[in-house]
Protein backbone atom coordinates (compact mmCIF):
# COMPACT_ATOMS: atom_id res chain seq x y z
CA MET A 1 -0.04 -0.01 0.03
CA ASP A 2 1.30 3.44 -0.86
CA GLU A 3 2.31 5.69 2.01
CA PRO A 4 -0.29 8.41 2.67
CA VAL A 5 0.62 11.84 1.38
CA PHE A 6 -0.27 13.42 4.77
CA ASP A 7 0.26 11.20 7.75
CA TRP A 8 -1.98 12.25 10.59
CA SER A 9 -0.38 9.84 13.16
CA TYR A 10 3.03 11.39 12.47
CA THR A 11 1.46 14.89 12.72
CA TRP A 12 0.07 14.16 16.23
CA GLU A 13 3.45 12.68 17.16
CA ILE A 14 5.42 15.83 16.43
CA ALA A 15 2.79 18.30 17.50
CA PRO A 16 3.92 18.50 21.19
CA ARG A 17 7.52 19.28 20.10
CA LEU A 18 6.26 21.96 17.72
CA LEU A 19 4.24 23.48 20.54
CA ASP A 20 7.40 23.67 22.61
CA GLY A 21 8.97 25.57 19.71
CA LEU A 22 5.92 27.74 19.53
CA VAL A 23 6.35 28.75 23.19
CA VAL A 24 9.86 29.98 22.41
CA THR A 25 8.58 31.88 19.39
CA VAL A 26 5.91 33.59 21.54
CA GLN A 27 8.47 34.43 24.22
CA ALA A 28 10.81 36.06 21.66
CA THR A 29 7.83 37.97 20.17
CA VAL A 30 6.62 39.32 23.56
CA LEU A 31 10.11 40.34 24.64
CA ALA A 32 10.87 41.93 21.28
CA THR A 33 7.51 43.78 21.21
CA VAL A 34 8.10 45.32 24.67
CA ILE A 35 11.52 46.50 23.53
CA ALA A 36 10.24 47.80 20.17
CA THR A 37 7.25 49.76 21.57
CA LEU A 38 9.17 51.43 24.36
CA LEU A 39 12.39 52.08 22.43
CA GLY A 40 10.40 53.21 19.41
CA LEU A 41 8.65 55.84 21.52
CA VAL A 42 11.99 56.98 22.93
CA LEU A 43 13.48 57.32 19.43
CA ALA A 44 10.46 59.27 18.19
CA ILE A 45 10.72 61.67 21.08
CA GLY A 46 14.49 61.95 20.56
CA ARG A 47 13.98 63.05 17.03
CA ARG A 48 12.07 66.06 18.32
CA SER A 49 14.72 66.94 20.79
CA ARG A 50 15.54 70.65 21.09
CA GLN A 51 19.24 69.59 20.95
CA ARG A 52 20.01 69.41 17.24
CA ILE A 53 22.91 66.97 17.79
CA VAL A 54 20.59 64.56 19.58
CA ALA A 55 17.88 64.79 16.97
CA TRP A 56 20.42 64.29 14.21
CA PHE A 57 22.10 61.30 15.95
CA VAL A 58 18.75 59.61 16.47
CA ALA A 59 17.74 60.15 12.93
CA VAL A 60 20.99 58.60 11.72
CA VAL A 61 20.56 55.55 13.99
CA VAL A 62 16.97 55.02 12.85
CA GLU A 63 17.88 55.23 9.22
CA PHE A 64 20.90 52.91 9.67
CA ILE A 65 18.79 50.26 11.32
CA ARG A 66 16.00 50.51 8.77
CA SER A 67 18.51 50.36 5.89
CA THR A 68 20.39 47.21 6.98
CA PRO A 69 19.04 43.60 6.97
CA LEU A 70 17.71 42.15 10.18
CA LEU A 71 19.72 38.98 9.72
CA VAL A 72 22.93 41.01 9.57
CA GLN A 73 21.94 42.81 12.79
CA LEU A 74 21.23 39.51 14.48
CA TYR A 75 24.60 38.06 13.42
CA PHE A 76 26.31 41.25 14.64
CA LEU A 77 24.75 41.04 18.07
CA PHE A 78 25.28 37.32 18.41
CA PHE A 79 28.95 37.31 17.52
CA VAL A 80 30.03 40.79 18.66
CA LEU A 81 28.37 41.17 22.10
CA PRO A 82 30.33 38.22 23.66
CA SER A 83 33.58 39.62 22.37
CA VAL A 84 33.04 42.84 24.31
CA GLY A 85 32.05 41.01 27.50
CA VAL A 86 28.24 40.98 27.05
CA VAL A 87 27.04 37.39 27.33
CA LEU A 88 23.40 36.80 26.61
CA SER A 89 21.40 33.73 25.66
CA PRO A 90 20.49 33.22 22.02
CA LEU A 91 16.88 34.00 22.91
CA GLN A 92 17.75 37.24 24.68
CA THR A 93 20.03 38.25 21.85
CA GLY A 94 17.31 37.52 19.30
CA ALA A 95 14.70 39.42 21.25
CA ILE A 96 16.98 42.45 21.50
CA GLY A 97 17.82 42.25 17.74
CA LEU A 98 14.14 42.02 16.75
CA GLY A 99 13.11 44.67 19.22
CA VAL A 100 15.72 47.20 18.15
CA HIS A 101 15.06 46.58 14.43
CA TYR A 102 11.29 47.09 14.74
CA ALA A 103 11.76 49.97 17.21
CA ALA A 104 13.27 51.95 14.25
CA TYR A 105 10.06 51.30 12.22
CA MET A 106 7.77 52.01 15.14
CA SER A 107 9.48 55.23 15.91
CA GLU A 108 8.34 56.56 12.49
CA VAL A 109 4.82 55.50 13.36
CA TYR A 110 4.99 57.29 16.67
CA ARG A 111 6.53 60.36 15.03
CA ALA A 112 3.59 60.60 12.56
CA GLY A 113 1.18 60.38 15.47
CA ILE A 114 3.04 63.11 17.45
CA GLU A 115 3.16 65.44 14.46
CA SER A 116 -0.59 64.98 13.98
CA VAL A 117 -1.33 66.64 17.34
CA PRO A 118 -2.39 70.22 16.60
CA ARG A 119 0.20 72.92 17.41
CA GLN A 120 -2.45 74.70 19.52
CA GLN A 121 -2.24 71.88 21.98
CA TRP A 122 1.44 72.48 22.55
CA GLU A 123 0.91 76.17 22.71
CA GLY A 124 -1.97 75.72 25.24
CA ALA A 125 0.27 73.56 27.43
CA VAL A 126 2.93 76.27 27.51
CA ALA A 127 0.29 78.99 28.28
CA LEU A 128 -0.89 76.84 31.20
CA GLY A 129 2.62 76.53 32.52
CA PHE A 130 2.93 72.79 32.06
CA SER A 131 6.35 71.26 32.30
CA ARG A 132 7.71 69.58 29.13
CA ARG A 133 7.23 66.19 30.87
CA ARG A 134 3.63 66.85 31.77
CA THR A 135 2.94 68.17 28.32
CA TRP A 136 4.10 64.89 26.79
CA LEU A 137 2.39 62.62 29.28
CA SER A 138 -0.92 64.49 29.74
CA ILE A 139 -1.54 66.13 26.37
CA VAL A 140 0.55 64.93 23.52
CA LEU A 141 0.94 61.18 23.96
CA PRO A 142 -2.83 60.52 24.83
CA GLN A 143 -3.73 62.09 21.53
CA ALA A 144 -0.84 60.83 19.46
CA ILE A 145 -0.84 57.08 20.29
CA PRO A 146 -4.47 55.93 19.83
CA PRO A 147 -4.60 56.78 16.04
CA VAL A 148 -1.41 54.80 15.28
CA ILE A 149 -2.37 51.61 17.22
CA PRO A 150 -3.32 49.81 13.95
CA ALA A 151 0.06 50.60 12.38
CA LEU A 152 1.87 49.52 15.52
CA GLY A 153 -0.18 46.34 15.59
CA ASN A 154 0.80 45.50 12.02
CA TYR A 155 4.44 45.76 13.01
CA VAL A 156 3.95 43.45 15.88
CA VAL A 157 2.37 40.86 13.56
CA ALA A 158 5.28 41.37 11.13
CA LEU A 159 7.76 40.94 14.00
CA PHE A 160 6.09 37.68 15.00
CA LYS A 161 6.44 36.34 11.46
CA GLU A 162 10.17 37.29 11.42
CA THR A 163 11.01 35.10 14.40
CA PRO A 164 12.08 32.15 12.12
CA LEU A 165 15.26 34.21 11.43
CA LEU A 166 16.29 33.56 15.06
CA SER A 167 17.16 30.00 14.14
CA ALA A 168 20.17 31.47 12.43
CA ILE A 169 21.59 32.32 15.82
CA THR A 170 20.71 28.90 17.32
CA VAL A 171 17.39 29.79 18.88
CA VAL A 172 15.28 26.64 18.76
CA GLU A 173 12.02 28.28 17.90
CA LEU A 174 9.08 26.91 15.95
CA MET A 175 10.58 26.81 12.45
CA GLN A 176 13.84 25.37 13.68
CA VAL A 177 11.95 22.53 15.44
CA ALA A 178 10.08 21.82 12.24
CA GLN A 179 13.34 21.64 10.34
CA ILE A 180 14.87 19.31 12.89
CA GLU A 181 11.83 16.99 12.81
CA GLY A 182 11.79 17.04 8.99
CA SER A 183 15.48 16.09 8.80
CA ARG A 184 14.94 13.25 11.14
CA SER A 185 12.06 11.62 9.30
CA PHE A 186 12.47 13.13 5.80
CA ARG A 187 8.83 14.15 6.14
CA TYR A 188 8.55 17.88 5.84
CA LEU A 189 5.01 18.24 4.71
CA GLU A 190 3.40 17.58 8.10
CA ALA A 191 5.85 19.70 10.13
CA PHE A 192 5.71 22.74 7.83
CA THR A 193 1.90 22.48 7.46
CA LEU A 194 1.58 22.65 11.25
CA VAL A 195 3.94 25.55 11.35
CA GLY A 196 1.90 27.43 8.83
CA VAL A 197 -1.30 26.75 10.72
CA MET A 198 0.14 27.93 14.00
CA PHE A 199 1.53 31.11 12.51
CA LEU A 200 -1.81 31.79 10.78
CA ALA A 201 -3.81 31.21 13.95
CA LEU A 202 -1.64 33.44 16.17
CA SER A 203 -1.40 36.14 13.49
CA THR A 204 -5.15 36.16 13.17
CA ILE A 205 -5.62 36.31 16.93
CA SER A 206 -3.09 39.15 17.23
CA ALA A 207 -4.75 41.14 14.46
CA ALA A 208 -8.13 40.71 16.12
CA GLY A 209 -6.66 41.81 19.46
CA VAL A 210 -5.31 44.94 17.90
CA ARG A 211 -8.63 45.71 16.29
CA ILE A 212 -10.47 45.32 19.66
CA LEU A 213 -7.86 47.61 21.33
CA GLU A 214 -8.40 50.16 18.53
CA LEU A 215 -12.16 50.13 18.98
CA ARG A 216 -11.96 50.44 22.70
CA LEU A 217 -9.56 53.41 22.41
CA ALA A 218 -11.84 54.97 19.82
CA ARG A 219 -14.84 54.77 22.19
CA SER A 220 -12.91 56.15 25.14
């Protein structure tokens, strides 16, 4: 009898190991997202600094990160950090690499949101004697961030789909597990089909979550 094209018994056999890889993928995504969202906001504010040298330096850093491949940045961090005494796990290195890379893109999204705040809002804060910190926290950011939530969410989903690149620096994430299982059995169809389904499911859930957050912010 011919061997079935898609072996369900083998699929259920490898599913637990793929789920372990999925946990690593989600961990990397969460860590990188935290780094990207916070650092991206810092970079966006830095580009509006009153100190021209600071604004110029931040702009150069953002453009450099956006103009170089993520894989090159991951290799740089993975091989260079230990040589200068910074020893991190592959997962930590990968999360930092992903986070910094996407922070550069998110900073542009934040910057667009900040620039959409009417100038009268800034002038009103000055007239009321608000400090620069209070102006940012109480007036500018509450108006600037909600409109850009969809764009930020798109980058989070894109970041999640970039995690297979972490296998290049020995992170045993979902795609790496699938490759290992495929090389053991020479059956790649089941492993990669499951990987595709898992990525599709989590991407869809993430997109729905972003949409719900967007609607709640719009109502509030």
